Structures are given as structure tokens and as C-alpha cells.
Amino acid sequence: MTKTLELIFDFGSPNAYLCMKALPELLDRTGADLVITPCLLGGIFKATGNKAPMVQYADAPAKLAYENLEMRRFIAKHELVKFRINPHFPVNTLTIMRGAIVAEDEGNLDDYVDVVNRAMWEEGLKMDDPEVIATFLSANGFDGPALLARTQEPAIKAKLAQNTEAAVARRVFGIPTFFVGGEMFFGKDRLAQVEEALA
């Protein structure tokens, strides 16, 4: 029986990008398949009362500094030299997350995630600007205007909302969140536990 690792995902989380770059070796070692579930991080925050670290720890500079230290350690460990914080951060990811639902519907979610992750966390593009989105997608193997047009379909909008509500119902409060069966693991610092659960 194939083992499955589910990732609750939104492009708005730099830690989700970092995790995804570290996952291939973990998946190789465990023989697990990755399933990406697109959700809206803003919707999860709103429903659970959670906040982004930069907001949550705004009055605790030492805690925020430590969060940044942990990020730098993770980047160094996994040699993620292409990563940089998006200069437009925080980016409203609603359109590109609906785009993920479109890509999933069309059978190319993995490619879409790779391309948009690159735009967000390597090339620093303003990925809440429809023109920027369409141009970058078209330059990277997608029909950008056609995909963007589909993000306005009611069924696409509804599926992203349903995914987000379902994640909250499973007690998800942030991204990246992983599931191994019914077991939940939050954050990039839990990858060792994720690997143990898969093993």
C-alpha cells in the first residue's frame, strides 16, 4: 500500500515553499507520495484566530528574531540558495490559489505549484497582480489568460472555500500543515516527526 503525505498548502507561506524544497529527499527515503491540498491561509487564520508570525510576535522582538534564525538555519541545512523573501510580502494569494484549483482540475497541479513557488519565493514577483500572473504563467508552460479566466468560475471558487473549511474542521490553524493518516504535524520544524510517522 502506498503511503501518502498530505500537505495543506498556500503560496503565501514562505515556510511552505521551504518545506516543499526539502521534501523530495524525505519522500525518496520513505517511499511516500505527496498530495497537495490547496487552501486559503487567510481563511484559516480568520476561522481560527491565528496570525502570521510577523503580526503575532510584533511585540516580542526576541521571539520574532528567533523565528528568523530558525528560518536561516533551515535554509542553510537544505542549501536553499534561491530563496528570498518576496519584496511585496504579504501577497494576497486568492487568485493564485484559485489557480491551483484550476491546475488540479486540469491535472497539472504539481507543475503549477513549482512555477508559482518560483515566482513568489525566488523571483520576487507581485503575484496578486493579474497581469504579472498571466505573463509569468504563459512564459512557463501555461496558458496564463485562460487559467486566470477559469479562476472566476463559481465551482473553482467554491472548491477552494470547501478545502479551507475542511482543513479548519480538521483543526488546521496554519500552513504548512502535514497529515500522515489522521496525524497532524505543523511547520517546517516537524519534518523529522513526519518522516518517523511515514516510516
Foldseek 3Di string as FASTA:
>chain_A
DAFEKEWADFLQDPQQLLLVLVCPVLCVVLVHYYDYQYAAQVLLCVVPVHDDPCVVCVVPVVVVVVVVVVVVVSCVVSVVVQFDAQPPPPARRLQLSLLLLLCVVVPRNVQSCVQVNCVHTRVNHRVVDLVRQCVSQVVRPHNSVVSSVSSPDPVSSVSNVVSHVVCVVLVDRGPGWMDRDSDIDDTSVCVVVVSVSSD
